[in-house]
Amino acid sequence: MSGKKYLIILVAVIVVLFIWFGKTPTDYNLVIEKNSGEKINLRVEIANTEIERGQGLSDRPSLAEQEGLLFVFPTADTYSFWTKDMHFAIDIIWLDDNWQIVDITPNLAPETFPKTFSPSSPAHYVLEVNAGFSATHNLNIGDKITF
């Protein structure tokens, strides 16, 4: 293989690695599959770095309907969340290793800061959505999320 082909392959690998480990796209689609069979579509951003998870939805003026922020952690644990620098209320949906809802903390107003909130069971993923989303869609423990 010529040097030019190696260079092209190397650049392609670097681009793929940057996309995989770097800043992720903001338009992932999740489907929440309720135990009843109903499916709810949701567009999410991914927060999978320590910096992105630390920032969360802080300082954003709002979140569009049917949108959310999905936190991806290295392992399942009882991670704590707060509403520091939030400008709107949220629901927090806690998910286990199998993408099943293990807990829901609804209607967290910015005024709850500095109180922290944690799930009753370890969560590997955490989904933040607008307050009322969980009630509007009648989400329950055991409902599952898929990409």
Protein backbone atom coordinates (compact mmCIF):
# COMPACT_ATOMS: atom_id res chain seq x y z
CA MET A 1 0.00 0.00 0.00
CA SER A 2 1.35 3.41 -0.87
CA GLY A 3 2.16 6.13 1.63
CA LYS A 4 -0.76 8.21 0.37
CA LYS A 5 -3.25 5.40 1.11
CA TYR A 6 -1.80 4.98 4.62
CA LEU A 7 -2.19 8.71 5.21
CA ILE A 8 -5.83 8.66 4.05
CA ILE A 9 -6.58 5.68 6.31
CA LEU A 10 -4.82 7.34 9.25
CA VAL A 11 -6.80 10.56 8.79
CA ALA A 12 -10.05 8.59 8.54
CA VAL A 13 -9.25 6.70 11.76
CA ILE A 14 -8.42 9.96 13.57
CA VAL A 15 -11.71 11.52 12.42
CA VAL A 16 -13.68 8.48 13.60
CA LEU A 17 -11.90 8.51 16.97
CA PHE A 18 -12.55 12.23 17.38
CA ILE A 19 -16.23 11.74 16.64
CA TRP A 20 -16.42 8.72 18.94
CA PHE A 21 -14.56 10.22 21.93
CA GLY A 22 -14.96 13.94 21.29
CA LYS A 23 -17.96 16.22 21.23
CA THR A 24 -20.99 14.16 20.27
CA PRO A 25 -23.79 15.18 17.93
CA THR A 26 -26.88 16.70 19.51
CA ASP A 27 -29.51 14.85 17.54
CA TYR A 28 -29.65 11.30 18.87
CA ASN A 29 -33.12 9.80 18.86
CA LEU A 30 -34.29 7.78 21.82
CA VAL A 31 -37.43 5.72 21.99
CA ILE A 32 -39.04 5.11 25.35
CA GLU A 33 -40.89 1.81 25.19
CA LYS A 34 -43.58 1.70 27.82
CA ASN A 35 -44.65 -1.60 29.31
CA SER A 36 -48.04 -0.96 27.65
CA GLY A 37 -46.38 -1.07 24.21
CA GLU A 38 -46.65 2.69 23.61
CA LYS A 39 -43.53 4.33 22.17
CA ILE A 40 -42.39 7.89 22.86
CA ASN A 41 -39.77 9.55 20.64
CA LEU A 42 -37.29 11.94 22.20
CA ARG A 43 -34.34 13.82 20.70
CA VAL A 44 -31.37 14.07 23.07
CA GLU A 45 -27.91 15.46 23.45
CA ILE A 46 -25.32 13.20 25.03
CA ALA A 47 -23.21 14.25 28.01
CA ASN A 48 -20.51 11.59 28.23
CA THR A 49 -17.47 13.54 29.41
CA GLU A 50 -16.86 14.84 32.91
CA ILE A 51 -17.05 18.43 31.65
CA GLU A 52 -20.32 17.86 29.77
CA ARG A 53 -21.86 16.02 32.73
CA GLY A 54 -20.74 18.82 35.07
CA GLN A 55 -22.34 21.47 32.86
CA GLY A 56 -25.57 19.56 32.22
CA LEU A 57 -28.45 21.91 31.43
CA SER A 58 -27.05 24.74 33.58
CA ASP A 59 -27.29 28.23 32.07
CA ARG A 60 -29.59 27.15 29.23
CA PRO A 61 -32.67 29.33 28.88
CA SER A 62 -34.97 26.42 28.01
CA LEU A 63 -35.30 22.94 26.55
CA ALA A 64 -37.61 22.23 23.61
CA GLU A 65 -40.51 19.85 24.01
CA GLN A 66 -39.56 16.24 23.18
CA GLU A 67 -35.88 17.02 23.85
CA GLY A 68 -33.58 16.01 26.67
CA LEU A 69 -30.03 15.55 27.86
CA LEU A 70 -28.72 12.02 28.40
CA PHE A 71 -25.86 11.61 30.88
CA VAL A 72 -23.67 8.57 30.25
CA PHE A 73 -21.54 7.44 33.19
CA PRO A 74 -18.68 4.91 33.16
CA THR A 75 -20.45 2.66 35.71
CA ALA A 76 -23.77 2.41 37.50
CA ASP A 77 -23.95 4.26 40.83
CA THR A 78 -26.23 6.54 42.85
CA TYR A 79 -25.03 9.77 41.25
CA SER A 80 -26.26 13.03 42.77
CA PHE A 81 -27.76 15.86 40.73
CA TRP A 82 -28.74 19.42 41.56
CA THR A 83 -30.34 22.38 39.82
CA LYS A 84 -27.42 24.82 40.01
CA ASP A 85 -27.76 27.67 37.48
CA MET A 86 -30.94 26.15 36.01
CA HIS A 87 -33.52 28.44 34.41
CA PHE A 88 -36.39 25.95 34.14
CA ALA A 89 -37.76 22.93 36.00
CA ILE A 90 -36.86 19.37 34.96
CA ASP A 91 -37.71 15.72 35.52
CA ILE A 92 -34.78 13.36 36.10
CA ILE A 93 -35.20 9.82 34.80
CA TRP A 94 -32.70 7.30 36.17
CA LEU A 95 -31.78 4.25 33.99
CA ASP A 96 -29.90 1.06 34.82
CA ASP A 97 -27.36 -0.88 32.72
CA ASN A 98 -30.23 -2.37 30.70
CA TRP A 99 -31.75 1.05 29.91
CA GLN A 100 -34.72 0.41 32.18
CA ILE A 101 -36.14 3.21 34.30
CA VAL A 102 -35.19 2.56 37.93
CA ASP A 103 -36.36 5.87 39.40
CA ILE A 104 -37.97 9.18 38.42
CA THR A 105 -37.48 12.49 40.22
CA PRO A 106 -40.15 14.83 38.83
CA ASN A 107 -40.62 18.60 38.80
CA LEU A 108 -37.28 19.82 40.13
CA ALA A 109 -37.43 23.60 40.18
CA PRO A 110 -34.28 25.76 40.05
CA GLU A 111 -35.17 26.90 43.58
CA THR A 112 -34.34 23.45 44.97
CA PHE A 113 -30.62 24.29 44.68
CA PRO A 114 -28.41 23.46 46.64
CA LYS A 115 -30.35 20.30 47.56
CA THR A 116 -29.10 17.19 45.71
CA PHE A 117 -31.14 14.32 44.30
CA SER A 118 -30.10 10.69 43.83
CA PRO A 119 -31.90 7.56 42.61
CA SER A 120 -33.17 4.84 44.92
CA SER A 121 -31.21 2.27 42.83
CA PRO A 122 -27.89 2.59 40.97
CA ALA A 123 -28.17 4.25 37.56
CA HIS A 124 -25.77 4.04 34.62
CA TYR A 125 -27.63 6.64 32.55
CA VAL A 126 -29.59 9.71 33.56
CA LEU A 127 -32.08 11.52 31.35
CA GLU A 128 -33.09 15.12 32.04
CA VAL A 129 -36.27 16.38 30.37
CA ASN A 130 -38.69 19.25 30.90
CA ALA A 131 -40.71 19.10 34.11
CA GLY A 132 -43.97 17.26 33.56
CA PHE A 133 -42.63 15.02 30.78
CA SER A 134 -42.78 11.92 33.01
CA ALA A 135 -46.35 12.61 34.12
CA THR A 136 -47.57 13.62 30.65
CA HIS A 137 -46.27 10.36 29.19
CA ASN A 138 -47.15 8.29 32.28
CA LEU A 139 -43.59 6.94 32.60
CA ASN A 140 -43.09 4.15 35.10
CA ILE A 141 -40.32 2.15 36.71
CA GLY A 142 -39.45 -0.67 34.30
CA ASP A 143 -40.19 1.24 31.09
CA LYS A 144 -37.27 0.83 28.71
CA ILE A 145 -35.29 3.20 26.47
CA THR A 146 -33.67 2.31 23.15
CA PHE A 147 -31.71 4.26 20.55
